[in-house]
ModelCIF file with pLDDT and N, C-alpha, C, O atoms, coordinates in Angstrom:
data_MODEL
#
_entry.id   MODEL 
#
_entity.id                         1 
_entity.type                       polymer 
_entity.pdbx_number_of_molecules   1 
#
_entity_poly.entity_id                      1 
_entity_poly.type                           'polypeptide(L)' 
_entity_poly.nstd_linkage                   no 
_entity_poly.nstd_monomer                   no 
_entity_poly.pdbx_seq_one_letter_code       RQLHRRGLAHNDLAKEANWLVLADGAPGII 
_entity_poly.pdbx_seq_one_letter_code_can   RQLHRRGLAHNDLAKEANWLVLADGAPGII 
_entity_poly.pdbx_strand_id                 A 
#
loop_
_entity_poly_seq.entity_id 
_entity_poly_seq.num 
_entity_poly_seq.mon_id 
_entity_poly_seq.hetero 
1 1  ARG n 
1 2  GLN n 
1 3  LEU n 
1 4  HIS n 
1 5  ARG n 
1 6  ARG n 
1 7  GLY n 
1 8  LEU n 
1 9  ALA n 
1 10 HIS n 
1 11 ASN n 
1 12 ASP n 
1 13 LEU n 
1 14 ALA n 
1 15 LYS n 
1 16 GLU n 
1 17 ALA n 
1 18 ASN n 
1 19 TRP n 
1 20 LEU n 
1 21 VAL n 
1 22 LEU n 
1 23 ALA n 
1 24 ASP n 
1 25 GLY n 
1 26 ALA n 
1 27 PRO n 
1 28 GLY n 
1 29 ILE n 
1 30 ILE n 
#
_struct_asym.id          A 
_struct_asym.entity_id   1 
#
loop_
_ma_qa_metric.id 
_ma_qa_metric.mode 
_ma_qa_metric.name 
_ma_qa_metric.software_group_id 
_ma_qa_metric.type 
1 global pLDDT . pLDDT 
2 local  pLDDT . pLDDT 
#
_ma_qa_metric_global.metric_id      1 
_ma_qa_metric_global.metric_value   96.57 
_ma_qa_metric_global.model_id       1 
_ma_qa_metric_global.ordinal_id     1 
#
loop_
_ma_qa_metric_local.label_asym_id 
_ma_qa_metric_local.label_comp_id 
_ma_qa_metric_local.label_seq_id 
_ma_qa_metric_local.metric_id 
_ma_qa_metric_local.metric_value 
_ma_qa_metric_local.model_id 
_ma_qa_metric_local.ordinal_id 
A ARG 1  2 97.00 1 1  
A GLN 2  2 97.00 1 2  
A LEU 3  2 97.00 1 3  
A HIS 4  2 97.00 1 4  
A ARG 5  2 97.00 1 5  
A ARG 6  2 96.00 1 6  
A GLY 7  2 97.00 1 7  
A LEU 8  2 98.00 1 8  
A ALA 9  2 97.00 1 9  
A HIS 10 2 97.00 1 10 
A ASN 11 2 94.00 1 11 
A ASP 12 2 93.00 1 12 
A LEU 13 2 97.00 1 13 
A ALA 14 2 94.00 1 14 
A LYS 15 2 95.00 1 15 
A GLU 16 2 97.00 1 16 
A ALA 17 2 95.00 1 17 
A ASN 18 2 96.00 1 18 
A TRP 19 2 98.00 1 19 
A LEU 20 2 98.00 1 20 
A VAL 21 2 98.00 1 21 
A LEU 22 2 97.00 1 22 
A ALA 23 2 95.00 1 23 
A ASP 24 2 96.00 1 24 
A GLY 25 2 97.00 1 25 
A ALA 26 2 97.00 1 26 
A PRO 27 2 98.00 1 27 
A GLY 28 2 98.00 1 28 
A ILE 29 2 98.00 1 29 
A ILE 30 2 96.00 1 30 
#
loop_
_atom_site.group_PDB 
_atom_site.id 
_atom_site.type_symbol 
_atom_site.label_atom_id 
_atom_site.label_alt_id 
_atom_site.label_comp_id 
_atom_site.label_asym_id 
_atom_site.label_entity_id 
_atom_site.label_seq_id 
_atom_site.pdbx_PDB_ins_code 
_atom_site.Cartn_x 
_atom_site.Cartn_y 
_atom_site.Cartn_z 
_atom_site.occupancy 
_atom_site.B_iso_or_equiv 
_atom_site.pdbx_formal_charge 
_atom_site.auth_seq_id 
_atom_site.auth_comp_id 
_atom_site.auth_asym_id 
_atom_site.auth_atom_id 
_atom_site.pdbx_PDB_model_num 
ATOM 1   N N  . ARG A 1 1  ? -14.519 -32.134 14.903 1.00 97.00 ? 1  ARG A N  1 
ATOM 2   C CA . ARG A 1 1  ? -13.138 -32.622 14.868 1.00 97.00 ? 1  ARG A CA 1 
ATOM 3   C C  . ARG A 1 1  ? -12.995 -33.765 13.865 1.00 97.00 ? 1  ARG A C  1 
ATOM 4   O O  . ARG A 1 1  ? -12.008 -33.831 13.132 1.00 97.00 ? 1  ARG A O  1 
ATOM 5   N N  . GLN A 1 2  ? -13.968 -34.653 13.833 1.00 97.00 ? 2  GLN A N  1 
ATOM 6   C CA . GLN A 1 2  ? -13.922 -35.776 12.893 1.00 97.00 ? 2  GLN A CA 1 
ATOM 7   C C  . GLN A 1 2  ? -13.966 -35.293 11.453 1.00 97.00 ? 2  GLN A C  1 
ATOM 8   O O  . GLN A 1 2  ? -13.236 -35.798 10.599 1.00 97.00 ? 2  GLN A O  1 
ATOM 9   N N  . LEU A 1 3  ? -14.832 -34.305 11.183 1.00 97.00 ? 3  LEU A N  1 
ATOM 10  C CA . LEU A 1 3  ? -14.876 -33.725 9.841  1.00 97.00 ? 3  LEU A CA 1 
ATOM 11  C C  . LEU A 1 3  ? -13.534 -33.132 9.457  1.00 97.00 ? 3  LEU A C  1 
ATOM 12  O O  . LEU A 1 3  ? -13.022 -33.375 8.365  1.00 97.00 ? 3  LEU A O  1 
ATOM 13  N N  . HIS A 1 4  ? -12.974 -32.355 10.365 1.00 97.00 ? 4  HIS A N  1 
ATOM 14  C CA . HIS A 1 4  ? -11.732 -31.649 10.067 1.00 97.00 ? 4  HIS A CA 1 
ATOM 15  C C  . HIS A 1 4  ? -10.568 -32.624 9.893  1.00 97.00 ? 4  HIS A C  1 
ATOM 16  O O  . HIS A 1 4  ? -9.680  -32.382 9.075  1.00 97.00 ? 4  HIS A O  1 
ATOM 17  N N  . ARG A 1 5  ? -10.559 -33.710 10.644 1.00 97.00 ? 5  ARG A N  1 
ATOM 18  C CA . ARG A 1 5  ? -9.514  -34.710 10.477 1.00 97.00 ? 5  ARG A CA 1 
ATOM 19  C C  . ARG A 1 5  ? -9.609  -35.419 9.139  1.00 97.00 ? 5  ARG A C  1 
ATOM 20  O O  . ARG A 1 5  ? -8.612  -35.927 8.625  1.00 97.00 ? 5  ARG A O  1 
ATOM 21  N N  . ARG A 1 6  ? -10.797 -35.453 8.580  1.00 96.00 ? 6  ARG A N  1 
ATOM 22  C CA . ARG A 1 6  ? -10.988 -36.023 7.238  1.00 96.00 ? 6  ARG A CA 1 
ATOM 23  C C  . ARG A 1 6  ? -10.567 -35.044 6.140  1.00 96.00 ? 6  ARG A C  1 
ATOM 24  O O  . ARG A 1 6  ? -10.630 -35.373 4.955  1.00 96.00 ? 6  ARG A O  1 
ATOM 25  N N  . GLY A 1 7  ? -10.141 -33.847 6.532  1.00 97.00 ? 7  GLY A N  1 
ATOM 26  C CA . GLY A 1 7  ? -9.750  -32.849 5.547  1.00 97.00 ? 7  GLY A CA 1 
ATOM 27  C C  . GLY A 1 7  ? -10.918 -32.126 4.930  1.00 97.00 ? 7  GLY A C  1 
ATOM 28  O O  . GLY A 1 7  ? -10.915 -31.829 3.736  1.00 97.00 ? 7  GLY A O  1 
ATOM 29  N N  . LEU A 1 8  ? -11.936 -31.837 5.756  1.00 98.00 ? 8  LEU A N  1 
ATOM 30  C CA . LEU A 1 8  ? -13.131 -31.163 5.261  1.00 98.00 ? 8  LEU A CA 1 
ATOM 31  C C  . LEU A 1 8  ? -13.554 -30.064 6.223  1.00 98.00 ? 8  LEU A C  1 
ATOM 32  O O  . LEU A 1 8  ? -13.684 -30.294 7.425  1.00 98.00 ? 8  LEU A O  1 
ATOM 33  N N  . ALA A 1 9  ? -13.767 -28.869 5.685  1.00 97.00 ? 9  ALA A N  1 
ATOM 34  C CA . ALA A 1 9  ? -14.350 -27.763 6.447  1.00 97.00 ? 9  ALA A CA 1 
ATOM 35  C C  . ALA A 1 9  ? -15.713 -27.453 5.842  1.00 97.00 ? 9  ALA A C  1 
ATOM 36  O O  . ALA A 1 9  ? -15.842 -27.358 4.621  1.00 97.00 ? 9  ALA A O  1 
ATOM 37  N N  . HIS A 1 10 ? -16.729 -27.296 6.684  1.00 97.00 ? 10 HIS A N  1 
ATOM 38  C CA . HIS A 1 10 ? -18.094 -27.146 6.190  1.00 97.00 ? 10 HIS A CA 1 
ATOM 39  C C  . HIS A 1 10 ? -18.355 -25.776 5.588  1.00 97.00 ? 10 HIS A C  1 
ATOM 40  O O  . HIS A 1 10 ? -18.914 -25.681 4.495  1.00 97.00 ? 10 HIS A O  1 
ATOM 41  N N  . ASN A 1 11 ? -17.964 -24.719 6.277  1.00 94.00 ? 11 ASN A N  1 
ATOM 42  C CA . ASN A 1 11 ? -18.050 -23.327 5.801  1.00 94.00 ? 11 ASN A CA 1 
ATOM 43  C C  . ASN A 1 11 ? -19.438 -22.704 5.836  1.00 94.00 ? 11 ASN A C  1 
ATOM 44  O O  . ASN A 1 11 ? -19.601 -21.567 5.394  1.00 94.00 ? 11 ASN A O  1 
ATOM 45  N N  . ASP A 1 12 ? -20.441 -23.408 6.347  1.00 93.00 ? 12 ASP A N  1 
ATOM 46  C CA . ASP A 1 12 ? -21.791 -22.829 6.356  1.00 93.00 ? 12 ASP A CA 1 
ATOM 47  C C  . ASP A 1 12 ? -22.535 -23.199 7.635  1.00 93.00 ? 12 ASP A C  1 
ATOM 48  O O  . ASP A 1 12 ? -23.744 -23.432 7.610  1.00 93.00 ? 12 ASP A O  1 
ATOM 49  N N  . LEU A 1 13 ? -21.813 -23.252 8.748  1.00 97.00 ? 13 LEU A N  1 
ATOM 50  C CA . LEU A 1 13 ? -22.411 -23.704 10.000 1.00 97.00 ? 13 LEU A CA 1 
ATOM 51  C C  . LEU A 1 13 ? -22.991 -22.572 10.836 1.00 97.00 ? 13 LEU A C  1 
ATOM 52  O O  . LEU A 1 13 ? -23.495 -22.810 11.933 1.00 97.00 ? 13 LEU A O  1 
ATOM 53  N N  . ALA A 1 14 ? -22.926 -21.346 10.330 1.00 94.00 ? 14 ALA A N  1 
ATOM 54  C CA . ALA A 1 14 ? -23.638 -20.266 11.007 1.00 94.00 ? 14 ALA A CA 1 
ATOM 55  C C  . ALA A 1 14 ? -25.147 -20.471 10.890 1.00 94.00 ? 14 ALA A C  1 
ATOM 56  O O  . ALA A 1 14 ? -25.910 -19.973 11.718 1.00 94.00 ? 14 ALA A O  1 
ATOM 57  N N  . LYS A 1 15 ? -25.575 -21.200 9.867  1.00 95.00 ? 15 LYS A N  1 
ATOM 58  C CA . LYS A 1 15 ? -26.994 -21.451 9.644  1.00 95.00 ? 15 LYS A CA 1 
ATOM 59  C C  . LYS A 1 15 ? -27.495 -22.569 10.551 1.00 95.00 ? 15 LYS A C  1 
ATOM 60  O O  . LYS A 1 15 ? -26.980 -23.687 10.515 1.00 95.00 ? 15 LYS A O  1 
ATOM 61  N N  . GLU A 1 16 ? -28.481 -22.264 11.346 1.00 97.00 ? 16 GLU A N  1 
ATOM 62  C CA . GLU A 1 16 ? -29.048 -23.285 12.221 1.00 97.00 ? 16 GLU A CA 1 
ATOM 63  C C  . GLU A 1 16 ? -29.698 -24.411 11.420 1.00 97.00 ? 16 GLU A C  1 
ATOM 64  O O  . GLU A 1 16 ? -29.799 -25.539 11.903 1.00 97.00 ? 16 GLU A O  1 
ATOM 65  N N  . ALA A 1 17 ? -30.135 -24.110 10.206 1.00 95.00 ? 17 ALA A N  1 
ATOM 66  C CA . ALA A 1 17 ? -30.764 -25.134 9.377  1.00 95.00 ? 17 ALA A CA 1 
ATOM 67  C C  . ALA A 1 17 ? -29.792 -26.242 8.993  1.00 95.00 ? 17 ALA A C  1 
ATOM 68  O O  . ALA A 1 17 ? -30.219 -27.336 8.625  1.00 95.00 ? 17 ALA A O  1 
ATOM 69  N N  . ASN A 1 18 ? -28.496 -25.973 9.073  1.00 96.00 ? 18 ASN A N  1 
ATOM 70  C CA . ASN A 1 18 ? -27.501 -26.980 8.710  1.00 96.00 ? 18 ASN A CA 1 
ATOM 71  C C  . ASN A 1 18 ? -27.066 -27.841 9.888  1.00 96.00 ? 18 ASN A C  1 
ATOM 72  O O  . ASN A 1 18 ? -26.287 -28.779 9.718  1.00 96.00 ? 18 ASN A O  1 
ATOM 73  N N  . TRP A 1 19 ? -27.565 -27.528 11.078 1.00 98.00 ? 19 TRP A N  1 
ATOM 74  C CA . TRP A 1 19 ? -27.351 -28.366 12.261 1.00 98.00 ? 19 TRP A CA 1 
ATOM 75  C C  . TRP A 1 19 ? -28.652 -29.115 12.558 1.00 98.00 ? 19 TRP A C  1 
ATOM 76  O O  . TRP A 1 19 ? -29.717 -28.506 12.657 1.00 98.00 ? 19 TRP A O  1 
ATOM 77  N N  . LEU A 1 20 ? -28.559 -30.417 12.698 1.00 98.00 ? 20 LEU A N  1 
ATOM 78  C CA . LEU A 1 20 ? -29.723 -31.212 13.066 1.00 98.00 ? 20 LEU A CA 1 
ATOM 79  C C  . LEU A 1 20 ? -29.649 -31.632 14.531 1.00 98.00 ? 20 LEU A C  1 
ATOM 80  O O  . LEU A 1 20 ? -28.572 -31.829 15.094 1.00 98.00 ? 20 LEU A O  1 
ATOM 81  N N  . VAL A 1 21 ? -30.834 -31.761 15.124 1.00 98.00 ? 21 VAL A N  1 
ATOM 82  C CA . VAL A 1 21 ? -30.974 -32.478 16.393 1.00 98.00 ? 21 VAL A CA 1 
ATOM 83  C C  . VAL A 1 21 ? -31.660 -33.782 16.003 1.00 98.00 ? 21 VAL A C  1 
ATOM 84  O O  . VAL A 1 21 ? -32.847 -33.799 15.679 1.00 98.00 ? 21 VAL A O  1 
ATOM 85  N N  . LEU A 1 22 ? -30.898 -34.870 16.038 1.00 97.00 ? 22 LEU A N  1 
ATOM 86  C CA . LEU A 1 22 ? -31.404 -36.153 15.581 1.00 97.00 ? 22 LEU A CA 1 
ATOM 87  C C  . LEU A 1 22 ? -32.418 -36.721 16.564 1.00 97.00 ? 22 LEU A C  1 
ATOM 88  O O  . LEU A 1 22 ? -32.600 -36.203 17.666 1.00 97.00 ? 22 LEU A O  1 
ATOM 89  N N  . ALA A 1 23 ? -33.070 -37.790 16.145 1.00 95.00 ? 23 ALA A N  1 
ATOM 90  C CA . ALA A 1 23 ? -34.147 -38.369 16.950 1.00 95.00 ? 23 ALA A CA 1 
ATOM 91  C C  . ALA A 1 23 ? -33.686 -38.744 18.353 1.00 95.00 ? 23 ALA A C  1 
ATOM 92  O O  . ALA A 1 23 ? -34.470 -38.681 19.300 1.00 95.00 ? 23 ALA A O  1 
ATOM 93  N N  . ASP A 1 24 ? -32.404 -39.138 18.495 1.00 96.00 ? 24 ASP A N  1 
ATOM 94  C CA . ASP A 1 24 ? -31.882 -39.514 19.812 1.00 96.00 ? 24 ASP A CA 1 
ATOM 95  C C  . ASP A 1 24 ? -31.243 -38.349 20.554 1.00 96.00 ? 24 ASP A C  1 
ATOM 96  O O  . ASP A 1 24 ? -30.632 -38.540 21.605 1.00 96.00 ? 24 ASP A O  1 
ATOM 97  N N  . GLY A 1 25 ? -31.385 -37.118 19.999 1.00 97.00 ? 25 GLY A N  1 
ATOM 98  C CA . GLY A 1 25 ? -30.845 -35.929 20.641 1.00 97.00 ? 25 GLY A CA 1 
ATOM 99  C C  . GLY A 1 25 ? -29.420 -35.590 20.244 1.00 97.00 ? 25 GLY A C  1 
ATOM 100 O O  . GLY A 1 25 ? -28.889 -34.563 20.667 1.00 97.00 ? 25 GLY A O  1 
ATOM 101 N N  . ALA A 1 26 ? -28.791 -36.438 19.438 1.00 97.00 ? 26 ALA A N  1 
ATOM 102 C CA . ALA A 1 26 ? -27.417 -36.198 19.010 1.00 97.00 ? 26 ALA A CA 1 
ATOM 103 C C  . ALA A 1 26 ? -27.371 -35.153 17.888 1.00 97.00 ? 26 ALA A C  1 
ATOM 104 O O  . ALA A 1 26 ? -28.377 -34.927 17.215 1.00 97.00 ? 26 ALA A O  1 
ATOM 105 N N  . PRO A 1 27 ? -26.226 -34.523 17.688 1.00 98.00 ? 27 PRO A N  1 
ATOM 106 C CA . PRO A 1 27 ? -26.095 -33.548 16.601 1.00 98.00 ? 27 PRO A CA 1 
ATOM 107 C C  . PRO A 1 27 ? -25.862 -34.223 15.259 1.00 98.00 ? 27 PRO A C  1 
ATOM 108 O O  . PRO A 1 27 ? -25.313 -35.323 15.188 1.00 98.00 ? 27 PRO A O  1 
ATOM 109 N N  . GLY A 1 28 ? -26.282 -33.557 14.209 1.00 98.00 ? 28 GLY A N  1 
ATOM 110 C CA . GLY A 1 28 ? -25.999 -33.982 12.847 1.00 98.00 ? 28 GLY A CA 1 
ATOM 111 C C  . GLY A 1 28 ? -25.721 -32.752 12.002 1.00 98.00 ? 28 GLY A C  1 
ATOM 112 O O  . GLY A 1 28 ? -26.138 -31.649 12.353 1.00 98.00 ? 28 GLY A O  1 
ATOM 113 N N  . ILE A 1 29 ? -25.030 -32.933 10.907 1.00 98.00 ? 29 ILE A N  1 
ATOM 114 C CA . ILE A 1 29 ? -24.677 -31.817 10.015 1.00 98.00 ? 29 ILE A CA 1 
ATOM 115 C C  . ILE A 1 29 ? -25.095 -32.177 8.597  1.00 98.00 ? 29 ILE A C  1 
ATOM 116 O O  . ILE A 1 29 ? -24.851 -33.292 8.136  1.00 98.00 ? 29 ILE A O  1 
ATOM 117 N N  . ILE A 1 30 ? -25.726 -31.232 7.905  1.00 96.00 ? 30 ILE A N  1 
ATOM 118 C CA . ILE A 1 30 ? -26.144 -31.443 6.520  1.00 96.00 ? 30 ILE A CA 1 
ATOM 119 C C  . ILE A 1 30 ? -25.710 -30.268 5.658  1.00 96.00 ? 30 ILE A C  1 
ATOM 120 O O  . ILE A 1 30 ? -25.969 -30.256 4.455  1.00 96.00 ? 30 ILE A O  1 
#
């Protein structure tokens, strides 16, 4: 939601490699 409110769509989130599980367990996107 935060990304989309900034006017950005990622378009490649079907790839699990683009989703991170950060050190504290939170999600990240690359």
